[in-house]
Amino acid sequence: MSLQNRTVVYAQIALSLLTGILSIGTILWRDWIETLVGWDLDRHNGLLEWVIAATLGMAMMQVAATLRTWERSDVAAATRKLRFRANIARSERLADNFERTIVGSRNENKAV
């Protein structure tokens, strides 16, 4: 994973954590901004806190969509190709073992 992709992943994790903390905090404590900053921007009704939590939630969904697009990119395709090749090699080994077993049992039957 390149440095740029790692940065995007870490940004999504940080944004998700921040969104979760602010959403839970807003549910439990509607006027946390007034207490934290000291300004009464929404007259203690919690609207500003919900707007912040919703905006961060939408940003988190956008980052998740970006990561999903990245997963479908060439890097992910190369990873899938390597896994596919490993599965083919494993299948070939199983087929060889099966063939040896069948041929071995036929040779034993001929010897008897």
Protein backbone atom coordinates (compact mmCIF):
# COMPACT_ATOMS: atom_id res chain seq x y z
CA MET A 1 0.00 0.00 0.00
CA SER A 2 1.47 3.34 -1.00
CA LEU A 3 1.93 6.24 1.38
CA GLN A 4 -0.90 8.19 -0.24
CA ASN A 5 -3.33 5.28 0.12
CA ARG A 6 -2.24 4.73 3.72
CA THR A 7 -2.92 8.39 4.44
CA VAL A 8 -6.43 8.07 3.03
CA VAL A 9 -7.09 5.00 5.16
CA TYR A 10 -5.81 6.73 8.30
CA ALA A 11 -7.89 9.82 7.47
CA GLN A 12 -11.01 7.69 7.19
CA ILE A 13 -10.29 5.98 10.49
CA ALA A 14 -9.72 9.33 12.23
CA LEU A 15 -12.85 10.84 10.67
CA SER A 16 -14.91 7.80 11.67
CA LEU A 17 -13.70 7.99 15.25
CA LEU A 18 -14.36 11.72 15.43
CA THR A 19 -17.83 11.31 13.95
CA GLY A 20 -18.68 8.51 16.36
CA ILE A 21 -17.46 10.43 19.38
CA LEU A 22 -19.29 13.61 18.38
CA SER A 23 -22.50 11.73 17.54
CA ILE A 24 -22.54 9.89 20.85
CA GLY A 25 -21.57 13.08 22.64
CA THR A 26 -24.40 14.97 20.95
CA ILE A 27 -26.93 12.30 21.92
CA LEU A 28 -25.80 12.37 25.55
CA TRP A 29 -25.02 16.07 25.89
CA ARG A 30 -26.89 18.40 23.52
CA ASP A 31 -25.07 21.63 24.35
CA TRP A 32 -21.45 20.52 24.50
CA ILE A 33 -20.29 23.39 22.27
CA GLU A 34 -21.69 26.00 24.64
CA THR A 35 -19.88 24.35 27.53
CA LEU A 36 -16.65 23.80 25.60
CA VAL A 37 -16.36 27.20 23.90
CA GLY A 38 -18.60 29.37 26.06
CA TRP A 39 -20.64 30.75 23.15
CA ASP A 40 -24.38 30.28 22.97
CA LEU A 41 -24.74 29.95 19.20
CA ASP A 42 -27.94 27.88 19.10
CA ARG A 43 -29.56 28.94 22.41
CA HIS A 44 -29.00 25.54 24.02
CA ASN A 45 -31.22 23.56 21.63
CA GLY A 46 -28.41 21.36 20.27
CA LEU A 47 -28.96 22.19 16.58
CA LEU A 48 -25.37 23.25 15.96
CA GLU A 49 -24.05 20.05 17.50
CA TRP A 50 -26.34 17.92 15.30
CA VAL A 51 -25.25 19.87 12.20
CA ILE A 52 -21.58 19.23 13.03
CA ALA A 53 -22.21 15.52 13.67
CA ALA A 54 -24.23 15.19 10.42
CA THR A 55 -21.60 17.04 8.37
CA LEU A 56 -18.86 14.79 9.68
CA GLY A 57 -21.04 11.77 8.97
CA MET A 58 -21.47 12.85 5.35
CA ALA A 59 -17.74 13.47 5.05
CA MET A 60 -17.10 9.98 6.44
CA MET A 61 -19.43 8.47 3.83
CA GLN A 62 -17.59 10.37 1.07
CA VAL A 63 -14.23 9.06 2.26
CA ALA A 64 -15.69 5.52 2.41
CA ALA A 65 -16.92 5.88 -1.18
CA THR A 66 -13.46 7.05 -2.22
CA LEU A 67 -11.88 4.04 -0.56
CA ARG A 68 -14.36 1.74 -2.28
CA THR A 69 -13.34 3.25 -5.60
CA TRP A 70 -9.69 2.72 -4.71
CA GLU A 71 -10.38 -0.91 -3.82
CA ARG A 72 -11.68 -1.45 -7.33
CA SER A 73 -8.61 0.17 -8.84
CA ASP A 74 -5.61 -1.49 -10.45
CA VAL A 75 -3.92 -2.21 -7.14
CA ALA A 76 -6.87 -4.21 -5.91
CA ALA A 77 -7.18 -5.91 -9.29
CA ALA A 78 -3.55 -6.99 -9.08
CA THR A 79 -4.15 -8.36 -5.60
CA ARG A 80 -7.18 -10.32 -6.81
CA LYS A 81 -5.11 -11.64 -9.72
CA LEU A 82 -2.42 -12.90 -7.35
CA ARG A 83 -5.03 -14.60 -5.18
CA PHE A 84 -6.59 -16.15 -8.28
CA ARG A 85 -3.21 -17.52 -9.38
CA ALA A 86 -2.61 -18.96 -5.90
CA ASN A 87 -6.02 -20.67 -6.03
CA ILE A 88 -5.23 -22.13 -9.45
CA ALA A 89 -1.89 -23.47 -8.20
CA ARG A 90 -3.61 -25.02 -5.20
CA SER A 91 -6.26 -26.59 -7.44
CA GLU A 92 -3.54 -28.02 -9.69
CA ARG A 93 -1.77 -29.54 -6.69
CA LEU A 94 -5.03 -31.11 -5.51
CA ALA A 95 -5.68 -32.50 -8.99
CA ASP A 96 -2.15 -33.97 -9.12
CA ASN A 97 -2.61 -35.60 -5.72
CA PHE A 98 -5.96 -37.00 -6.77
CA GLU A 99 -4.48 -38.35 -10.00
CA ARG A 100 -1.60 -40.00 -8.12
CA THR A 101 -4.10 -41.59 -5.77
CA ILE A 102 -6.20 -42.96 -8.63
CA VAL A 103 -3.17 -44.21 -10.60
CA GLY A 104 -1.69 -45.73 -7.43
CA SER A 105 -4.91 -47.61 -6.66
CA ARG A 106 -5.09 -48.90 -10.24
CA ASN A 107 -1.49 -50.16 -10.05
CA GLU A 108 -2.28 -51.93 -6.79
CA ASN A 109 -5.33 -53.61 -8.39
CA LYS A 110 -3.20 -54.81 -11.34
CA ALA A 111 -0.59 -56.26 -9.01
CA VAL A 112 -3.18 -58.37 -7.21
